[in-house]
PDB file of N, CA and C in Angstrom:
ATOM      1  N   MET A   1     -76.551 147.214  17.146  1.00  0.00           N
ATOM      2  CA  MET A   1     -76.131 145.710  15.574  1.00  0.00           C
ATOM      3  C   MET A   1     -75.522 144.724  16.366  1.00  0.00           C
ATOM      4  N   ARG A   2     -74.352 145.621  17.133  1.00  0.00           N
ATOM      5  CA  ARG A   2     -73.388 145.235  17.581  1.00  0.00           C
ATOM      6  C   ARG A   2     -73.407 144.041  19.035  1.00  0.00           C
ATOM      7  N   LEU A   3     -74.115 144.473  19.631  1.00  0.00           N
ATOM      8  CA  LEU A   3     -74.833 143.352  20.671  1.00  0.00           C
ATOM      9  C   LEU A   3     -75.716 142.007  20.119  1.00  0.00           C
ATOM     10  N   ILE A   4     -75.736 142.217  19.034  1.00  0.00           N
ATOM     11  CA  ILE A   4     -76.813 141.446  17.991  1.00  0.00           C
ATOM     12  C   ILE A   4     -75.406 140.539  17.770  1.00  0.00           C
ATOM     13  N   ALA A   5     -74.794 140.589  17.444  1.00  0.00           N
ATOM     14  CA  ALA A   5     -73.356 140.105  16.425  1.00  0.00           C
ATOM     15  C   ALA A   5     -73.078 139.023  17.519  1.00  0.00           C
ATOM     16  N   LYS A   6     -72.994 139.879  19.108  1.00  0.00           N
ATOM     17  CA  LYS A   6     -72.141 139.827  20.281  1.00  0.00           C
ATOM     18  C   LYS A   6     -72.910 138.332  20.773  1.00  0.00           C
ATOM     19  N   ILE A   7     -74.316 138.483  20.984  1.00  0.00           N
ATOM     20  CA  ILE A   7     -75.256 137.235  20.976  1.00  0.00           C
ATOM     21  C   ILE A   7     -75.334 136.356  20.093  1.00  0.00           C
ATOM     22  N   VAL A   8     -74.831 136.407  19.119  1.00  0.00           N
ATOM     23  CA  VAL A   8     -75.135 135.241  18.163  1.00  0.00           C
ATOM     24  C   VAL A   8     -74.141 134.313  18.134  1.00  0.00           C
ATOM     25  N   ALA A   9     -72.527 135.609  18.458  1.00  0.00           N
ATOM     26  CA  ALA A   9     -71.587 134.795  18.395  1.00  0.00           C
ATOM     27  C   ALA A   9     -71.075 133.710  19.778  1.00  0.00           C
ATOM     28  N   LEU A  10     -71.712 134.137  20.808  1.00  0.00           N
ATOM     29  CA  LEU A  10     -71.804 133.356  21.925  1.00  0.00           C
ATOM     30  C   LEU A  10     -72.639 132.536  21.760  1.00  0.00           C
ATOM     31  N   THR A  11     -73.507 132.089  21.410  1.00  0.00           N
ATOM     32  CA  THR A  11     -74.210 131.772  21.408  1.00  0.00           C
ATOM     33  C   THR A  11     -74.043 130.376  19.973  1.00  0.00           C
ATOM     34  N   SER A  12     -73.381 130.704  19.361  1.00  0.00           N
ATOM     35  CA  SER A  12     -72.608 129.574  17.941  1.00  0.00           C
ATOM     36  C   SER A  12     -71.321 128.890  18.528  1.00  0.00           C
ATOM     37  N   LEU A  13     -70.944 129.246  20.140  1.00  0.00           N
ATOM     38  CA  LEU A  13     -69.815 128.552  20.981  1.00  0.00           C
ATOM     39  C   LEU A  13     -70.940 128.028  21.350  1.00  0.00           C
ATOM     40  N   LEU A  14     -71.171 127.533  22.118  1.00  0.00           N
ATOM     41  CA  LEU A  14     -72.628 126.959  22.625  1.00  0.00           C
ATOM     42  C   LEU A  14     -72.632 126.120  22.138  1.00  0.00           C
ATOM     43  N   LEU A  15     -72.858 126.072  20.839  1.00  0.00           N
ATOM     44  CA  LEU A  15     -73.638 125.504  19.347  1.00  0.00           C
ATOM     45  C   LEU A  15     -72.454 124.878  18.979  1.00  0.00           C
ATOM     46  N   LEU A  16     -71.491 124.784  19.588  1.00  0.00           N
ATOM     47  CA  LEU A  16     -70.315 124.559  18.524  1.00  0.00           C
ATOM     48  C   LEU A  16     -69.798 123.287  19.366  1.00  0.00           C
ATOM     49  N   THR A  17     -70.730 123.466  21.034  1.00  0.00           N
ATOM     50  CA  THR A  17     -70.134 122.273  21.732  1.00  0.00           C
ATOM     51  C   THR A  17     -70.771 120.791  21.273  1.00  0.00           C
ATOM     52  N   SER A  18     -72.068 121.466  21.460  1.00  0.00           N
ATOM     53  CA  SER A  18     -73.453 120.478  21.570  1.00  0.00           C
ATOM     54  C   SER A  18     -73.437 119.191  20.930  1.00  0.00           C
ATOM     55  N   PRO A  19     -72.816 119.157  19.380  1.00  0.00           N
ATOM     56  CA  PRO A  19     -73.045 118.410  19.009  1.00  0.00           C
ATOM     57  C   PRO A  19     -71.676 117.222  19.255  1.00  0.00           C
ATOM     58  N   SER A  20     -70.806 117.169  19.693  1.00  0.00           N
ATOM     59  CA  SER A  20     -69.700 116.959  20.310  1.00  0.00           C
ATOM     60  C   SER A  20     -69.590 115.534  21.623  1.00  0.00           C
ATOM     61  N   VAL A  21     -71.399 116.870  22.143  1.00  0.00           N
ATOM     62  CA  VAL A  21     -71.630 116.034  22.980  1.00  0.00           C
ATOM     63  C   VAL A  21     -73.425 115.084  23.012  1.00  0.00           C
ATOM     64  N   LEU A  22     -73.233 115.169  21.420  1.00  0.00           N
ATOM     65  CA  LEU A  22     -74.156 114.163  20.917  1.00  0.00           C
ATOM     66  C   LEU A  22     -73.913 112.942  20.333  1.00  0.00           C
ATOM     67  N   TYR A  23     -72.851 113.464  19.879  1.00  0.00           N
ATOM     68  CA  TYR A  23     -71.961 112.274  19.687  1.00  0.00           C
ATOM     69  C   TYR A  23     -71.221 111.548  20.076  1.00  0.00           C
ATOM     70  N   LEU A  24     -71.647 111.895  21.599  1.00  0.00           N
ATOM     71  CA  LEU A  24     -70.830 110.903  23.043  1.00  0.00           C
ATOM     72  C   LEU A  24     -71.724 110.088  23.270  1.00  0.00           C
ATOM     73  N   ALA A  25     -72.495 110.798  23.724  1.00  0.00           N
ATOM     74  CA  ALA A  25     -73.764 109.788  23.827  1.00  0.00           C
ATOM     75  C   ALA A  25     -74.272 108.775  22.638  1.00  0.00           C
ATOM     76  N   GLY A  26     -73.698 108.922  21.678  1.00  0.00           N
ATOM     77  CA  GLY A  26     -74.155 108.524  20.276  1.00  0.00           C
ATOM     78  C   GLY A  26     -75.667 108.501  19.879  1.00  0.00           C
ATOM     79  N   LYS A  27     -76.232 109.686  20.195  1.00  0.00           N
ATOM     80  CA  LYS A  27     -77.173 110.298  19.329  1.00  0.00           C
ATOM     81  C   LYS A  27     -76.758 111.217  18.415  1.00  0.00           C
ATOM     82  N   ALA A  28     -75.945 111.255  17.245  1.00  0.00           N
ATOM     83  CA  ALA A  28     -75.562 112.155  16.689  1.00  0.00           C
ATOM     84  C   ALA A  28     -74.562 110.513  15.334  1.00  0.00           C
ATOM     85  N   SER A  29     -74.322 111.415  14.344  1.00  0.00           N
ATOM     86  CA  SER A  29     -74.120 110.448  13.482  1.00  0.00           C
ATOM     87  C   SER A  29     -73.037 111.548  13.437  1.00  0.00           C
ATOM     88  N   LEU A  30     -71.412 111.623  12.394  1.00  0.00           N
ATOM     89  CA  LEU A  30     -69.729 111.834  12.443  1.00  0.00           C
ATOM     90  C   LEU A  30     -70.099 112.535  11.609  1.00  0.00           C
ATOM     91  N   ASP A  31     -70.850 111.974  10.237  1.00  0.00           N
ATOM     92  CA  ASP A  31     -71.047 113.046   9.758  1.00  0.00           C
ATOM     93  C   ASP A  31     -71.836 114.208   9.930  1.00  0.00           C
ATOM     94  N   ARG A  32     -72.852 114.291  10.886  1.00  0.00           N
ATOM     95  CA  ARG A  32     -73.756 114.741  11.001  1.00  0.00           C
ATOM     96  C   ARG A  32     -73.058 115.828  11.794  1.00  0.00           C
ATOM     97  N   VAL A  33     -72.171 115.321  13.041  1.00  0.00           N
ATOM     98  CA  VAL A  33     -71.582 116.272  13.677  1.00  0.00           C
ATOM     99  C   VAL A  33     -70.902 117.264  12.866  1.00  0.00           C
ATOM    100  N   LYS A  34     -69.892 116.864  12.480  1.00  0.00           N
ATOM    101  CA  LYS A  34     -68.706 117.712  11.476  1.00  0.00           C
ATOM    102  C   LYS A  34     -69.824 118.557  10.395  1.00  0.00           C
ATOM    103  N   GLN A  35     -71.183 118.561  10.020  1.00  0.00           N
ATOM    104  CA  GLN A  35     -71.666 119.352   9.343  1.00  0.00           C
ATOM    105  C   GLN A  35     -72.029 121.149  10.440  1.00  0.00           C
ATOM    106  N   LEU A  36     -72.527 119.983  11.499  1.00  0.00           N
ATOM    107  CA  LEU A  36     -72.988 121.173  12.005  1.00  0.00           C
ATOM    108  C   LEU A  36     -71.866 122.405  13.276  1.00  0.00           C
ATOM    109  N   MET A  37     -71.222 121.530  13.337  1.00  0.00           N
ATOM    110  CA  MET A  37     -69.873 122.332  13.532  1.00  0.00           C
ATOM    111  C   MET A  37     -68.958 122.826  12.305  1.00  0.00           C
ATOM    112  N   ILE A  38     -68.886 122.537  11.242  1.00  0.00           N
ATOM    113  CA  ILE A  38     -68.840 123.816  10.574  1.00  0.00           C
ATOM    114  C   ILE A  38     -69.157 124.645  10.320  1.00  0.00           C
ATOM    115  N   LEU A  39     -71.182 124.597  10.391  1.00  0.00           N
ATOM    116  CA  LEU A  39     -71.812 125.497  10.671  1.00  0.00           C
ATOM    117  C   LEU A  39     -71.751 126.378  11.354  1.00  0.00           C
ATOM    118  N   ALA A  40     -71.634 126.043  12.777  1.00  0.00           N
ATOM    119  CA  ALA A  40     -71.718 126.810  13.707  1.00  0.00           C
ATOM    120  C   ALA A  40     -69.937 127.807  13.620  1.00  0.00           C
ATOM    121  N   THR A  41     -69.094 126.928  13.300  1.00  0.00           N
ATOM    122  CA  THR A  41     -68.014 127.587  13.145  1.00  0.00           C
ATOM    123  C   THR A  41     -68.052 129.042  12.167  1.00  0.00           C
ATOM    124  N   ILE A  42     -68.302 129.221  10.757  1.00  0.00           N
ATOM    125  CA  ILE A  42     -68.192 129.389   9.772  1.00  0.00           C
ATOM    126  C   ILE A  42     -69.677 130.872  11.010  1.00  0.00           C
ATOM    127  N   VAL A  43     -70.682 130.517  11.437  1.00  0.00           N
ATOM    128  CA  VAL A  43     -71.785 132.070  11.700  1.00  0.00           C
ATOM    129  C   VAL A  43     -70.842 132.169  12.875  1.00  0.00           C
ATOM    130  N   TRP A  44     -69.646 131.142  13.857  1.00  0.00           N
ATOM    131  CA  TRP A  44     -69.076 132.074  14.949  1.00  0.00           C
ATOM    132  C   TRP A  44     -67.935 133.377  14.506  1.00  0.00           C
ATOM    133  N   PHE A  45     -67.165 132.220  12.781  1.00  0.00           N
ATOM    134  CA  PHE A  45     -66.208 133.756  12.945  1.00  0.00           C
ATOM    135  C   PHE A  45     -66.922 134.729  11.393  1.00  0.00           C
ATOM    136  N   ILE A  46     -68.098 134.740  11.399  1.00  0.00           N
ATOM    137  CA  ILE A  46     -68.996 136.004  10.693  1.00  0.00           C
ATOM    138  C   ILE A  46     -69.141 136.788  12.061  1.00  0.00           C
ATOM    139  N   SER A  47     -69.916 136.563  13.015  1.00  0.00           N
ATOM    140  CA  SER A  47     -70.194 137.561  14.136  1.00  0.00           C
ATOM    141  C   SER A  47     -69.290 137.824  14.904  1.00  0.00           C
ATOM    142  N   ALA A  48     -68.254 136.929  15.559  1.00  0.00           N
ATOM    143  CA  ALA A  48     -66.965 137.342  16.058  1.00  0.00           C
ATOM    144  C   ALA A  48     -66.692 138.674  15.434  1.00  0.00           C
ATOM    145  N   SER A  49     -66.472 138.094  13.933  1.00  0.00           N
ATOM    146  CA  SER A  49     -65.056 139.902  13.676  1.00  0.00           C
ATOM    147  C   SER A  49     -65.657 141.115  13.338  1.00  0.00           C
ATOM    148  N   TYR A  50     -67.693 140.775  12.834  1.00  0.00           N
ATOM    149  CA  TYR A  50     -67.874 142.019  12.768  1.00  0.00           C
ATOM    150  C   TYR A  50     -68.219 142.375  14.983  1.00  0.00           C
ATOM    151  N   TRP A  51     -68.456 141.460  15.472  1.00  0.00           N
ATOM    152  CA  TRP A  51     -67.915 142.392  17.230  1.00  0.00           C
ATOM    153  C   TRP A  51     -67.001 142.730  16.869  1.00  0.00           C
ATOM    154  N   MET A  52     -65.983 141.881  17.301  1.00  0.00           N
ATOM    155  CA  MET A  52     -64.938 142.371  17.686  1.00  0.00           C
ATOM    156  C   MET A  52     -64.085 143.494  16.659  1.00  0.00           C
ATOM    157  N   TRP A  53     -64.436 143.200  15.760  1.00  0.00           N
ATOM    158  CA  TRP A  53     -63.936 144.652  14.964  1.00  0.00           C
ATOM    159  C   TRP A  53     -63.800 145.974  15.243  1.00  0.00           C
ATOM    160  N   PRO A  54     -62.603 146.714  15.391  1.00  0.00           N
ATOM    161  CA  PRO A  54     -62.567 147.782  15.929  1.00  0.00           C
ATOM    162  C   PRO A  54     -63.338 149.291  14.966  1.00  0.00           C
ATOM    163  N   ARG A  55     -63.989 149.875  15.561  1.00  0.00           N
ATOM    164  CA  ARG A  55     -65.192 150.244  15.151  1.00  0.00           C
ATOM    165  C   ARG A  55     -64.147 151.597  14.686  1.00  0.00           C
ATOM    166  N   PRO A  56     -64.960 152.388  13.321  1.00  0.00           N
ATOM    167  CA  PRO A  56     -63.801 153.914  12.613  1.00  0.00           C
ATOM    168  C   PRO A  56     -63.922 154.871  13.131  1.00  0.00           C
ATOM    169  N   LYS A  57     -63.132 155.644  13.686  1.00  0.00           N
ATOM    170  CA  LYS A  57     -63.369 156.766  14.138  1.00  0.00           C
ATOM    171  C   LYS A  57     -63.766 157.328  13.411  1.00  0.00           C
ATOM    172  N   ASN A  58     -64.324 158.278  14.127  1.00  0.00           N
ATOM    173  CA  ASN A  58     -65.269 159.558  13.201  1.00  0.00           C
ATOM    174  C   ASN A  58     -64.067 160.316  13.314  1.00  0.00           C
ATOM    175  N   SER A  59     -63.931 161.263  11.512  1.00  0.00           N
ATOM    176  CA  SER A  59     -63.270 161.672  10.906  1.00  0.00           C
ATOM    177  C   SER A  59     -63.246 162.985  11.118  1.00  0.00           C
ATOM    178  N   ALA A  60     -64.501 163.957  11.798  1.00  0.00           N
ATOM    179  CA  ALA A  60     -64.813 165.026  12.178  1.00  0.00           C
ATOM    180  C   ALA A  60     -64.469 164.984  13.564  1.00  0.00           C
ATOM    181  N   GLY A  61     -64.069 163.672  14.299  1.00  0.00           N
ATOM    182  CA  GLY A  61     -63.924 164.718  15.337  1.00  0.00           C
ATOM    183  C   GLY A  61     -64.072 163.148  17.094  1.00  0.00           C
TER     184      GLY A  61
END
């Protein structure tokens, strides 16, 4: 499950840069860029938090 969270987190970081490139190329409006970047940011925070959060130590040993 952590591997999936890592892949999603890294993919969302790549997707976070895509809207700005589209905006600079004139292919996307500013409102659409803001929506996509907010969505990618939320996905990144959720998946990266799960991926980077320390695993609970087993109390049995």
